[in-house]
C-alpha atoms as a PDB file:
ATOM      1  CA  MET A   1      31.531  -8.310  -8.070  1.00  0.00           C
ATOM      2  CA  ARG A   2      28.425  -9.355  -9.988  1.00  0.00           C
ATOM      3  CA  ALA A   3      26.153  -6.634 -11.360  1.00  0.00           C
ATOM      4  CA  GLN A   4      23.409  -6.019 -13.894  1.00  0.00           C
ATOM      5  CA  LEU A   5      24.471  -3.420 -16.469  1.00  0.00           C
ATOM      6  CA  LEU A   6      22.237  -1.291 -18.662  1.00  0.00           C
ATOM      7  CA  GLU A   7      24.262  -0.544 -21.780  1.00  0.00           C
ATOM      8  CA  ARG A   8      21.452   0.312 -24.176  1.00  0.00           C
ATOM      9  CA  PRO A   9      17.760   0.755 -23.323  1.00  0.00           C
ATOM     10  CA  ALA A  10      15.356  -1.791 -24.786  1.00  0.00           C
ATOM     11  CA  PRO A  11      11.872  -3.179 -24.027  1.00  0.00           C
ATOM     12  CA  ALA A  12      11.770  -5.354 -20.933  1.00  0.00           C
ATOM     13  CA  ASP A  13      10.871  -8.459 -22.928  1.00  0.00           C
ATOM     14  CA  GLN A  14      14.146  -8.008 -24.867  1.00  0.00           C
ATOM     15  CA  ARG A  15      16.228  -8.331 -21.664  1.00  0.00           C
ATOM     16  CA  PRO A  16      17.944  -4.905 -21.579  1.00  0.00           C
ATOM     17  CA  LEU A  17      20.327  -5.802 -18.721  1.00  0.00           C
ATOM     18  CA  ARG A  18      23.603  -7.701 -19.076  1.00  0.00           C
ATOM     19  CA  PHE A  19      24.796  -9.755 -16.100  1.00  0.00           C
ATOM     20  CA  ALA A  20      28.536  -9.155 -15.725  1.00  0.00           C
ATOM     21  CA  GLU A  21      31.563  -9.168 -13.449  1.00  0.00           C
ATOM     22  CA  VAL A  22      32.669  -5.593 -12.704  1.00  0.00           C
ATOM     23  CA  PRO A  23      35.278  -4.105 -10.334  1.00  0.00           C
ATOM     24  CA  ASP A  24      34.298  -3.665  -6.689  1.00  0.00           C
ATOM     25  CA  PRO A  25      33.661   0.002  -5.786  1.00  0.00           C
ATOM     26  CA  SER A  26      36.085   1.810  -3.475  1.00  0.00           C
ATOM     27  CA  PRO A  27      34.792   4.585  -1.206  1.00  0.00           C
ATOM     28  CA  ALA A  28      35.713   8.184  -1.931  1.00  0.00           C
ATOM     29  CA  ALA A  29      36.565  10.246   1.138  1.00  0.00           C
ATOM     30  CA  ASP A  30      32.887  11.135   1.741  1.00  0.00           C
ATOM     31  CA  GLU A  31      31.396   7.759   0.801  1.00  0.00           C
ATOM     32  CA  LEU A  32      30.398   4.391   2.202  1.00  0.00           C
ATOM     33  CA  VAL A  33      30.539   1.095   0.380  1.00  0.00           C
ATOM     34  CA  LEU A  34      27.648  -1.234   1.177  1.00  0.00           C
ATOM     35  CA  ARG A  35      27.414  -4.962   0.763  1.00  0.00           C
ATOM     36  CA  ILE A  36      23.898  -5.191  -0.708  1.00  0.00           C
ATOM     37  CA  ALA A  37      21.344  -7.507   0.870  1.00  0.00           C
ATOM     38  CA  ALA A  38      18.252  -6.482  -1.107  1.00  0.00           C
ATOM     39  CA  CYS A  39      17.261  -4.015  -3.832  1.00  0.00           C
ATOM     40  CA  GLY A  40      13.701  -3.246  -4.831  1.00  0.00           C
ATOM     41  CA  VAL A  41      12.688  -3.152  -8.501  1.00  0.00           C
ATOM     42  CA  CYS A  42      10.886   0.109  -9.209  1.00  0.00           C
ATOM     43  CA  ARG A  43       8.807   1.311 -12.153  1.00  0.00           C
ATOM     44  CA  THR A  44      11.349   4.117 -12.555  1.00  0.00           C
ATOM     45  CA  ASP A  45      14.007   1.438 -13.126  1.00  0.00           C
ATOM     46  CA  LEU A  46      11.777   0.016 -15.834  1.00  0.00           C
ATOM     47  CA  GLN A  47      11.343   3.439 -17.443  1.00  0.00           C
ATOM     48  CA  ILE A  48      15.126   3.958 -17.499  1.00  0.00           C
ATOM     49  CA  CYS A  49      15.815   0.465 -18.854  1.00  0.00           C
ATOM     50  CA  GLU A  50      13.179   0.802 -21.575  1.00  0.00           C
ATOM     51  CA  GLY A  51      14.178   4.356 -22.500  1.00  0.00           C
ATOM     52  CA  ASP A  52      11.037   6.213 -21.402  1.00  0.00           C
ATOM     53  CA  LEU A  53      13.455   8.157 -19.199  1.00  0.00           C
ATOM     54  CA  LYS A  54      16.553   9.066 -21.171  1.00  0.00           C
ATOM     55  CA  ALA A  55      19.668   7.494 -19.679  1.00  0.00           C
ATOM     56  CA  ARG A  56      22.079  10.013 -18.170  1.00  0.00           C
ATOM     57  CA  CYS A  57      25.108   7.748 -18.229  1.00  0.00           C
ATOM     58  CA  LEU A  58      25.769   4.381 -19.839  1.00  0.00           C
ATOM     59  CA  PRO A  59      26.603   1.790 -18.868  1.00  0.00           C
ATOM     60  CA  VAL A  60      24.890   2.118 -15.501  1.00  0.00           C
ATOM     61  CA  VAL A  61      23.772  -0.259 -12.772  1.00  0.00           C
ATOM     62  CA  PRO A  62      20.070   0.471 -12.070  1.00  0.00           C
ATOM     63  CA  GLY A  63      18.319   0.254  -8.722  1.00  0.00           C
ATOM     64  CA  HIS A  64      17.549   2.763  -5.965  1.00  0.00           C
ATOM     65  CA  GLN A  65      15.791   0.852  -3.163  1.00  0.00           C
ATOM     66  CA  VAL A  66      18.871  -0.621  -1.529  1.00  0.00           C
ATOM     67  CA  VAL A  67      19.370  -2.175   1.890  1.00  0.00           C
ATOM     68  CA  GLY A  68      22.814  -3.348   2.912  1.00  0.00           C
ATOM     69  CA  ARG A  69      25.598  -3.359   5.476  1.00  0.00           C
ATOM     70  CA  VAL A  70      28.496  -0.935   5.576  1.00  0.00           C
ATOM     71  CA  GLU A  71      31.611  -2.690   4.325  1.00  0.00           C
ATOM     72  CA  ALA A  72      34.001   0.271   3.962  1.00  0.00           C
ATOM     73  CA  VAL A  73      34.034   3.866   5.248  1.00  0.00           C
ATOM     74  CA  GLY A  74      35.658   6.847   3.518  1.00  0.00           C
ATOM     75  CA  SER A  75      38.379   8.777   5.315  1.00  0.00           C
ATOM     76  CA  GLN A  76      36.231  11.885   5.960  1.00  0.00           C
ATOM     77  CA  VAL A  77      33.061  10.065   7.035  1.00  0.00           C
ATOM     78  CA  ARG A  78      31.904  10.376  10.629  1.00  0.00           C
ATOM     79  CA  GLY A  79      28.952   8.657  12.291  1.00  0.00           C
ATOM     80  CA  TRP A  80      28.979   5.403  10.301  1.00  0.00           C
ATOM     81  CA  SER A  81      30.771   2.169  11.184  1.00  0.00           C
ATOM     82  CA  VAL A  82      31.489  -1.062   9.375  1.00  0.00           C
ATOM     83  CA  GLY A  83      28.647  -3.532   9.905  1.00  0.00           C
ATOM     84  CA  GLU A  84      25.851  -0.988  10.346  1.00  0.00           C
ATOM     85  CA  ARG A  85      22.722  -1.389   8.241  1.00  0.00           C
ATOM     86  CA  ALA A  86      21.997   1.449   5.808  1.00  0.00           C
ATOM     87  CA  GLY A  87      19.501   2.313   3.107  1.00  0.00           C
ATOM     88  CA  VAL A  88      20.080   4.005  -0.237  1.00  0.00           C
ATOM     89  CA  ALA A  89      17.227   5.705  -2.060  1.00  0.00           C
ATOM     90  CA  TRP A  90      16.630   7.690  -5.265  1.00  0.00           C
ATOM     91  CA  LEU A  91      18.254  10.951  -4.114  1.00  0.00           C
ATOM     92  CA  ALA A  92      21.999  10.348  -4.370  1.00  0.00           C
ATOM     93  CA  GLY A  93      23.251  13.898  -3.914  1.00  0.00           C
ATOM     94  CA  ALA A  94      22.426  17.618  -4.016  1.00  0.00           C
ATOM     95  CA  CYS A  95      24.596  20.721  -4.075  1.00  0.00           C
ATOM     96  CA  GLY A  96      23.547  21.983  -0.633  1.00  0.00           C
ATOM     97  CA  ALA A  97      24.170  25.611  -1.634  1.00  0.00           C
ATOM     98  CA  CYS A  98      21.454  26.673  -4.085  1.00  0.00           C
ATOM     99  CA  ALA A  99      18.249  28.477  -3.100  1.00  0.00           C
ATOM    100  CA  GLN A 100      16.240  25.243  -3.254  1.00  0.00           C
ATOM    101  CA  CYS A 101      18.648  23.357  -1.007  1.00  0.00           C
ATOM    102  CA  ARG A 102      18.848  26.230   1.478  1.00  0.00           C
ATOM    103  CA  ALA A 103      15.039  26.296   1.639  1.00  0.00           C
ATOM    104  CA  GLY A 104      14.835  22.577   2.474  1.00  0.00           C
ATOM    105  CA  ARG A 105      13.825  21.601  -1.066  1.00  0.00           C
ATOM    106  CA  GLU A 106      16.868  19.590  -2.070  1.00  0.00           C
ATOM    107  CA  ASN A 107      14.550  17.406  -4.153  1.00  0.00           C
ATOM    108  CA  LEU A 108      14.331  20.379  -6.568  1.00  0.00           C
ATOM    109  CA  CYS A 109      18.090  21.059  -6.731  1.00  0.00           C
ATOM    110  CA  SER A 110      19.183  21.489 -10.353  1.00  0.00           C
ATOM    111  CA  GLU A 111      22.459  19.724  -9.511  1.00  0.00           C
ATOM    112  CA  ALA A 112      20.785  16.760  -7.802  1.00  0.00           C
ATOM    113  CA  GLN A 113      21.991  13.280  -8.697  1.00  0.00           C
ATOM    114  CA  PHE A 114      19.970  10.097  -8.578  1.00  0.00           C
ATOM    115  CA  THR A 115      20.858   6.515  -7.736  1.00  0.00           C
ATOM    116  CA  GLY A 116      20.741   4.159 -10.689  1.00  0.00           C
ATOM    117  CA  TRP A 117      20.446   7.061 -13.138  1.00  0.00           C
ATOM    118  CA  ASP A 118      23.421   9.399 -12.553  1.00  0.00           C
ATOM    119  CA  ARG A 119      25.505   6.884 -10.608  1.00  0.00           C
ATOM    120  CA  ASP A 120      25.498   3.128 -10.144  1.00  0.00           C
ATOM    121  CA  GLY A 121      22.700   1.647  -8.096  1.00  0.00           C
ATOM    122  CA  GLY A 122      21.740  -1.537  -6.355  1.00  0.00           C
ATOM    123  CA  TYR A 123      21.360  -4.234  -9.027  1.00  0.00           C
ATOM    124  CA  ALA A 124      24.724  -5.519  -7.843  1.00  0.00           C
ATOM    125  CA  GLU A 125      26.535  -7.040  -4.877  1.00  0.00           C
ATOM    126  CA  ARG A 126      28.007  -3.725  -3.672  1.00  0.00           C
ATOM    127  CA  LEU A 127      27.607   0.001  -4.225  1.00  0.00           C
ATOM    128  CA  ALA A 128      29.167   3.275  -3.122  1.00  0.00           C
ATOM    129  CA  VAL A 129      26.947   5.986  -1.642  1.00  0.00           C
ATOM    130  CA  ARG A 130      27.649   9.467  -0.318  1.00  0.00           C
ATOM    131  CA  ALA A 131      27.505   8.983   3.440  1.00  0.00           C
ATOM    132  CA  ALA A 132      25.398  12.124   3.906  1.00  0.00           C
ATOM    133  CA  PHE A 133      22.696  10.550   1.722  1.00  0.00           C
ATOM    134  CA  ALA A 134      22.697   7.095   3.310  1.00  0.00           C
ATOM    135  CA  LEU A 135      19.636   6.458   5.466  1.00  0.00           C
ATOM    136  CA  ARG A 136      19.319   4.974   8.931  1.00  0.00           C
ATOM    137  CA  MET A 137      17.089   1.908   8.743  1.00  0.00           C
ATOM    138  CA  PRO A 138      14.760   1.297  11.704  1.00  0.00           C
ATOM    139  CA  GLU A 139      14.552  -2.055  13.399  1.00  0.00           C
ATOM    140  CA  GLY A 140      11.457  -4.145  12.840  1.00  0.00           C
ATOM    141  CA  PHE A 141      11.907  -4.721   9.100  1.00  0.00           C
ATOM    142  CA  ASP A 142      14.094  -7.412   7.610  1.00  0.00           C
ATOM    143  CA  ASP A 143      16.089  -6.469   4.524  1.00  0.00           C
ATOM    144  CA  LEU A 144      13.584  -7.877   2.033  1.00  0.00           C
ATOM    145  CA  ALA A 145      10.636  -6.061   3.626  1.00  0.00           C
ATOM    146  CA  ALA A 146      12.594  -2.818   4.059  1.00  0.00           C
ATOM    147  CA  ALA A 147      13.659  -2.392   0.420  1.00  0.00           C
ATOM    148  CA  PRO A 148      10.241  -1.275  -0.999  1.00  0.00           C
ATOM    149  CA  LEU A 149       9.999   1.414   1.680  1.00  0.00           C
ATOM    150  CA  LEU A 150      12.910   3.299   0.129  1.00  0.00           C
ATOM    151  CA  CYS A 151      11.176   4.540  -3.006  1.00  0.00           C
ATOM    152  CA  GLY A 152       7.530   3.569  -3.295  1.00  0.00           C
ATOM    153  CA  GLY A 153       7.056   4.176   0.407  1.00  0.00           C
ATOM    154  CA  VAL A 154       8.917   7.471   0.663  1.00  0.00           C
ATOM    155  CA  ILE A 155       7.543   8.974  -2.555  1.00  0.00           C
ATOM    156  CA  GLY A 156       4.047   7.859  -1.563  1.00  0.00           C
ATOM    157  CA  TYR A 157       4.487   9.624   1.769  1.00  0.00           C
ATOM    158  CA  ARG A 158       5.665  12.830   0.075  1.00  0.00           C
ATOM    159  CA  SER A 159       2.710  12.572  -2.317  1.00  0.00           C
ATOM    160  CA  LEU A 160       0.321  12.490   0.633  1.00  0.00           C
ATOM    161  CA  LYS A 161       2.020  15.606   2.026  1.00  0.00           C
ATOM    162  CA  VAL A 162       1.854  17.406  -1.334  1.00  0.00           C
ATOM    163  CA  SER A 163      -1.840  16.496  -1.712  1.00  0.00           C
ATOM    164  CA  GLY A 164      -2.593  18.363   1.509  1.00  0.00           C
ATOM    165  CA  ILE A 165      -4.740  15.567   2.914  1.00  0.00           C
ATOM    166  CA  GLU A 166      -5.605  16.102   6.569  1.00  0.00           C
ATOM    167  CA  PRO A 167      -6.120  13.358   9.164  1.00  0.00           C
ATOM    168  CA  GLY A 168      -9.662  12.049   8.785  1.00  0.00           C
ATOM    169  CA  GLY A 169     -10.023  13.467   5.262  1.00  0.00           C
ATOM    170  CA  ARG A 170     -11.446  11.854   2.127  1.00  0.00           C
ATOM    171  CA  LEU A 171      -8.540  10.644  -0.017  1.00  0.00           C
ATOM    172  CA  GLY A 172      -8.475   9.069  -3.460  1.00  0.00           C
ATOM    173  CA  LEU A 173      -5.701   6.741  -4.631  1.00  0.00           C
ATOM    174  CA  TYR A 174      -5.657   6.203  -8.398  1.00  0.00           C
ATOM    175  CA  GLY A 175      -3.652   3.114  -9.285  1.00  0.00           C
ATOM    176  CA  PHE A 176      -2.856   0.521  -6.645  1.00  0.00           C
ATOM    177  CA  GLY A 177       0.641  -0.843  -7.140  1.00  0.00           C
ATOM    178  CA  ALA A 178       3.561  -1.065  -4.738  1.00  0.00           C
ATOM    179  CA  SER A 179       3.605   2.630  -3.740  1.00  0.00           C
ATOM    180  CA  ALA A 180      -0.142   2.845  -3.141  1.00  0.00           C
ATOM    181  CA  LEU A 181      -0.018  -0.319  -1.021  1.00  0.00           C
ATOM    182  CA  LEU A 182       2.202   1.598   1.394  1.00  0.00           C
ATOM    183  CA  ALA A 183       0.451   4.970   1.105  1.00  0.00           C
ATOM    184  CA  ILE A 184      -2.912   3.504   2.078  1.00  0.00           C
ATOM    185  CA  GLN A 185      -1.411   2.216   5.325  1.00  0.00           C
ATOM    186  CA  VAL A 186      -0.197   5.719   6.209  1.00  0.00           C
ATOM    187  CA  ALA A 187      -3.557   7.240   5.269  1.00  0.00           C
ATOM    188  CA  ARG A 188      -5.501   4.726   7.346  1.00  0.00           C
ATOM    189  CA  HIS A 189      -3.116   5.376  10.268  1.00  0.00           C
ATOM    190  CA  TRP A 190      -4.121   9.043   9.928  1.00  0.00           C
ATOM    191  CA  GLY A 191      -7.799   8.066  10.044  1.00  0.00           C
ATOM    192  CA  CYS A 192      -8.518   8.992   6.413  1.00  0.00           C
ATOM    193  CA  GLU A 193     -11.408   7.604   4.385  1.00  0.00           C
ATOM    194  CA  VAL A 194      -9.673   6.075   1.361  1.00  0.00           C
ATOM    195  CA  TYR A 195     -11.275   5.601  -2.062  1.00  0.00           C
ATOM    196  CA  VAL A 196      -9.289   3.525  -4.560  1.00  0.00           C
ATOM    197  CA  ALA A 197      -9.583   3.470  -8.353  1.00  0.00           C
ATOM    198  CA  THR A 198      -7.793   0.756 -10.320  1.00  0.00           C
ATOM    199  CA  ARG A 199      -8.541  -1.347 -13.378  1.00  0.00           C
ATOM    200  CA  SER A 200      -7.511  -4.537 -11.559  1.00  0.00           C
ATOM    201  CA  GLU A 201     -10.279  -6.442  -9.783  1.00  0.00           C
ATOM    202  CA  ARG A 202      -7.641  -8.194  -7.679  1.00  0.00           C
ATOM    203  CA  GLU A 203      -6.224  -4.858  -6.523  1.00  0.00           C
ATOM    204  CA  ARG A 204      -9.701  -3.552  -5.702  1.00  0.00           C
ATOM    205  CA  ARG A 205     -10.205  -6.499  -3.361  1.00  0.00           C
ATOM    206  CA  ARG A 206      -6.785  -5.910  -1.819  1.00  0.00           C
ATOM    207  CA  ALA A 207      -7.597  -2.213  -1.285  1.00  0.00           C
ATOM    208  CA  LEU A 208     -10.804  -3.099   0.547  1.00  0.00           C
ATOM    209  CA  ASP A 209      -8.914  -5.630   2.667  1.00  0.00           C
ATOM    210  CA  LEU A 210      -6.489  -2.834   3.635  1.00  0.00           C
ATOM    211  CA  GLY A 211      -9.285  -0.558   4.816  1.00  0.00           C
ATOM    212  CA  ALA A 212     -10.476   1.355   1.736  1.00  0.00           C
ATOM    213  CA  VAL A 213     -14.153   2.298   2.046  1.00  0.00           C
ATOM    214  CA  TRP A 214     -14.698   2.036  -1.731  1.00  0.00           C
ATOM    215  CA  ALA A 215     -12.861   0.588  -4.722  1.00  0.00           C
ATOM    216  CA  GLY A 216     -13.830   0.958  -8.360  1.00  0.00           C
ATOM    217  CA  GLY A 217     -12.523   1.535 -11.859  1.00  0.00           C
ATOM    218  CA  TYR A 218     -10.981   4.658 -13.351  1.00  0.00           C
ATOM    219  CA  ASP A 219     -14.234   5.359 -15.180  1.00  0.00           C
ATOM    220  CA  GLU A 220     -16.310   5.204 -11.988  1.00  0.00           C
ATOM    221  CA  ALA A 221     -16.897   8.225  -9.778  1.00  0.00           C
ATOM    222  CA  PRO A 222     -16.311   7.742  -6.041  1.00  0.00           C
ATOM    223  CA  PRO A 223     -19.544   8.047  -4.038  1.00  0.00           C
ATOM    224  CA  VAL A 224     -18.414  11.299  -2.378  1.00  0.00           C
ATOM    225  CA  PRO A 225     -16.243  14.256  -3.480  1.00  0.00           C
ATOM    226  CA  LEU A 226     -12.585  13.779  -2.549  1.00  0.00           C
ATOM    227  CA  GLU A 227     -10.637  16.328  -0.530  1.00  0.00           C
ATOM    228  CA  ALA A 228      -7.370  15.154  -2.105  1.00  0.00           C
ATOM    229  CA  ALA A 229      -6.117  12.485  -4.463  1.00  0.00           C
ATOM    230  CA  VAL A 230      -2.832  10.879  -5.467  1.00  0.00           C
ATOM    231  CA  THR A 231      -2.343   9.302  -8.884  1.00  0.00           C
ATOM    232  CA  PHE A 232       0.150   6.470  -9.248  1.00  0.00           C
ATOM    233  CA  ALA A 233      -0.573   5.304 -12.795  1.00  0.00           C
ATOM    234  CA  PRO A 234       1.684   7.066 -15.361  1.00  0.00           C
ATOM    235  CA  VAL A 235      -1.344   7.857 -17.509  1.00  0.00           C
ATOM    236  CA  GLY A 236      -2.684  11.370 -18.084  1.00  0.00           C
ATOM    237  CA  GLU A 237      -6.297  10.246 -18.402  1.00  0.00           C
ATOM    238  CA  VAL A 238      -6.126   8.881 -14.859  1.00  0.00           C
ATOM    239  CA  VAL A 239      -5.011  12.320 -13.635  1.00  0.00           C
ATOM    240  CA  ILE A 240      -8.124  13.862 -15.197  1.00  0.00           C
ATOM    241  CA  ALA A 241     -10.343  11.177 -13.648  1.00  0.00           C
ATOM    242  CA  ALA A 242      -8.937  12.093 -10.233  1.00  0.00           C
ATOM    243  CA  LEU A 243      -9.386  15.808 -10.909  1.00  0.00           C
ATOM    244  CA  LYS A 244     -13.051  15.266 -11.807  1.00  0.00           C
ATOM    245  CA  ALA A 245     -13.598  13.502  -8.465  1.00  0.00           C
ATOM    246  CA  LEU A 246     -12.273  16.393  -6.348  1.00  0.00           C
ATOM    247  CA  GLU A 247     -14.174  18.580  -3.948  1.00  0.00           C
ATOM    248  CA  ARG A 248     -13.760  22.332  -4.444  1.00  0.00           C
ATOM    249  CA  GLY A 249     -10.300  23.436  -3.334  1.00  0.00           C
ATOM    250  CA  GLY A 250      -8.873  19.906  -3.544  1.00  0.00           C
ATOM    251  CA  THR A 251      -5.505  18.838  -4.930  1.00  0.00           C
ATOM    252  CA  VAL A 252      -4.386  15.981  -7.156  1.00  0.00           C
ATOM    253  CA  ALA A 253      -0.748  15.024  -6.482  1.00  0.00           C
ATOM    254  CA  ILE A 254       0.787  13.224  -9.461  1.00  0.00           C
ATOM    255  CA  ASN A 255       3.148  10.510  -8.230  1.00  0.00           C
ATOM    256  CA  ALA A 256       4.989   9.858 -11.499  1.00  0.00           C
ATOM    257  CA  ILE A 257       8.409  10.730 -12.856  1.00  0.00           C
ATOM    258  CA  HIS A 258       7.098  10.048 -16.381  1.00  0.00           C
ATOM    259  CA  LEU A 259       3.566  10.646 -17.702  1.00  0.00           C
ATOM    260  CA  ASP A 260       2.380   9.669 -21.153  1.00  0.00           C
ATOM    261  CA  ARG A 261       0.428  12.917 -21.693  1.00  0.00           C
ATOM    262  CA  VAL A 262      -2.261  15.069 -20.115  1.00  0.00           C
ATOM    263  CA  PRO A 263      -5.253  15.124 -22.459  1.00  0.00           C
ATOM    264  CA  GLU A 264      -7.334  18.196 -23.131  1.00  0.00           C
ATOM    265  CA  PHE A 265     -10.050  18.664 -20.516  1.00  0.00           C
ATOM    266  CA  PRO A 266     -12.779  21.213 -19.729  1.00  0.00           C
ATOM    267  CA  TYR A 267     -11.739  24.075 -17.477  1.00  0.00           C
ATOM    268  CA  ASP A 268     -14.732  23.274 -15.259  1.00  0.00           C
ATOM    269  CA  HIS A 269     -12.773  20.292 -13.886  1.00  0.00           C
ATOM    270  CA  LEU A 270     -10.108  22.690 -12.589  1.00  0.00           C
ATOM    271  CA  TRP A 271     -12.433  25.554 -11.624  1.00  0.00           C
ATOM    272  CA  TRP A 272     -13.200  26.240  -7.939  1.00  0.00           C
ATOM    273  CA  GLU A 273      -9.513  26.387  -7.014  1.00  0.00           C
ATOM    274  CA  ARG A 274      -8.773  22.749  -7.609  1.00  0.00           C
ATOM    275  CA  SER A 275      -5.054  22.075  -8.139  1.00  0.00           C
ATOM    276  CA  LEU A 276      -2.762  19.732 -10.039  1.00  0.00           C
ATOM    277  CA  ARG A 277       0.693  19.263  -8.494  1.00  0.00           C
ATOM    278  CA  SER A 278       3.581  17.098  -9.572  1.00  0.00           C
ATOM    279  CA  VAL A 279       5.651  15.230  -6.995  1.00  0.00           C
ATOM    280  CA  ALA A 280       9.348  15.502  -7.821  1.00  0.00           C
ATOM    281  CA  ASN A 281      11.573  13.152  -5.868  1.00  0.00           C
ATOM    282  CA  PHE A 282      11.825  13.563  -2.083  1.00  0.00           C
ATOM    283  CA  THR A 283      14.146  14.987   0.533  1.00  0.00           C
ATOM    284  CA  ARG A 284      16.216  13.145   3.099  1.00  0.00           C
ATOM    285  CA  GLN A 285      13.871  14.562   5.739  1.00  0.00           C
ATOM    286  CA  ASP A 286      10.895  12.978   3.941  1.00  0.00           C
ATOM    287  CA  ALA A 287      12.731   9.665   3.845  1.00  0.00           C
ATOM    288  CA  GLN A 288      13.655   9.613   7.521  1.00  0.00           C
ATOM    289  CA  GLU A 289      10.178  10.797   8.603  1.00  0.00           C
ATOM    290  CA  PHE A 290       8.580   8.032   6.594  1.00  0.00           C
ATOM    291  CA  LEU A 291      10.946   5.296   7.782  1.00  0.00           C
ATOM    292  CA  ASP A 292      10.303   6.238  11.405  1.00  0.00           C
ATOM    293  CA  LEU A 293       6.543   6.342  10.770  1.00  0.00           C
ATOM    294  CA  ALA A 294       6.664   3.012   8.940  1.00  0.00           C
ATOM    295  CA  ALA A 295       8.265   1.419  11.983  1.00  0.00           C
ATOM    296  CA  ALA A 296       5.728   2.987  14.343  1.00  0.00           C
ATOM    297  CA  ILE A 297       2.580   1.936  12.417  1.00  0.00           C
ATOM    298  CA  PRO A 298       4.083  -0.653  11.520  1.00  0.00           C
ATOM    299  CA  ILE A 299       3.744  -0.754   7.735  1.00  0.00           C
ATOM    300  CA  ARG A 300       3.721  -4.166   6.096  1.00  0.00           C
ATOM    301  CA  THR A 301       5.158  -4.753   2.639  1.00  0.00           C
ATOM    302  CA  ALA A 302       4.244  -7.394   0.075  1.00  0.00           C
ATOM    303  CA  THR A 303       7.311  -8.626  -1.806  1.00  0.00           C
ATOM    304  CA  GLU A 304       8.240 -11.015  -4.579  1.00  0.00           C
ATOM    305  CA  GLU A 305      11.841 -12.244  -4.296  1.00  0.00           C
ATOM    306  CA  HIS A 306      14.150 -12.692  -7.297  1.00  0.00           C
ATOM    307  CA  PRO A 307      17.846 -13.609  -7.349  1.00  0.00           C
ATOM    308  CA  LEU A 308      20.085 -10.889  -8.779  1.00  0.00           C
ATOM    309  CA  GLU A 309      20.687 -12.866 -11.967  1.00  0.00           C
ATOM    310  CA  GLU A 310      16.928 -12.731 -12.724  1.00  0.00           C
ATOM    311  CA  ALA A 311      16.665  -8.927 -12.830  1.00  0.00           C
ATOM    312  CA  ASN A 312      15.471  -8.989 -16.441  1.00  0.00           C
ATOM    313  CA  GLU A 313      12.648 -11.340 -15.506  1.00  0.00           C
ATOM    314  CA  ALA A 314      11.651  -9.073 -12.606  1.00  0.00           C
ATOM    315  CA  LEU A 315      11.506  -6.106 -15.015  1.00  0.00           C
ATOM    316  CA  ARG A 316       9.471  -8.138 -17.512  1.00  0.00           C
ATOM    317  CA  ARG A 317       6.960  -9.149 -14.838  1.00  0.00           C
ATOM    318  CA  LEU A 318       6.705  -5.537 -13.663  1.00  0.00           C
ATOM    319  CA  ALA A 319       6.071  -4.324 -17.227  1.00  0.00           C
ATOM    320  CA  ALA A 320       3.410  -7.003 -17.724  1.00  0.00           C
ATOM    321  CA  GLY A 321       1.608  -6.139 -14.480  1.00  0.00           C
ATOM    322  CA  GLU A 322       2.325  -9.559 -13.001  1.00  0.00           C
ATOM    323  CA  VAL A 323       4.041  -8.455  -9.777  1.00  0.00           C
ATOM    324  CA  GLY A 324       1.922  -8.619  -6.655  1.00  0.00           C
ATOM    325  CA  GLY A 325       3.346  -5.913  -4.399  1.00  0.00           C
ATOM    326  CA  ALA A 326       7.030  -5.170  -4.993  1.00  0.00           C
ATOM    327  CA  ALA A 327       9.723  -7.226  -6.718  1.00  0.00           C
ATOM    328  CA  VAL A 328      12.987  -7.355  -4.765  1.00  0.00           C
ATOM    329  CA  LEU A 329      16.390  -8.590  -5.940  1.00  0.00           C
ATOM    330  CA  VAL A 330      18.648 -10.446  -3.526  1.00  0.00           C
ATOM    331  CA  ALA A 331      22.342 -11.032  -4.206  1.00  0.00           C
END
């Protein structure tokens, strides 16, 4: 099969992926093999390919927003059949036995594995996935539109939960890329007032079109104190801007797997029981809740299609801030 291999991290403009023919995967007893229809290109992929996130195994096929059809079923798998549509997301496995897993926090499992980081992902024509971690995809989304739901959508949904925002509350979204485009649709469905901060004038207009009541820059204070905020930009100064905008008792949820730094800031910004919380991955329950909600709303995705052989160009455009919505690879 054809696949994009990361053998050594490098800047996106140096084309870190090598397009190659590799053996087709065979399913282990507890696995499915999917024929991939679409795979979203995520900022986490970019961070792995450029080395901001240290590679865990090389070579590796990146990609963790995968939609495909079951092509083969392992001998011990029950409940999946050849031809069914399935999704594969960031969480590729967890031990199921530790205290975190038993408490429903498999996203915090120290033995967790991740698609496109610990095992091959979706920048390819096929992939193997543990059947227990494959996701049921709702009807109503074609493959291209469904792919961005599987990371940006799910992690955005968990970020809203971690922020503690209540229906009808005042929510800030800091950064307005692919994940925030989906999170704002959930927040508006919940009746929230949404305030968006982004450096892009184009994204400010898009936020207002999607129902935000205010959109400004990172250096501008929203017109009212925020009850909760989610930061999407991997920049510590943006986290502090969101913290400064909070009402007493509010929470900033940091939606980033990598952050450049958190600068020194006055304790007064944190005083009055304001909170900073990181968002680490998501659980299968989060993913299925979000997918069902996305179908009910229904959430609409904005995508930019690239053939599989142009994965390096998709990464370059993402790094340069040129992607409107989410880039998606199609085999």
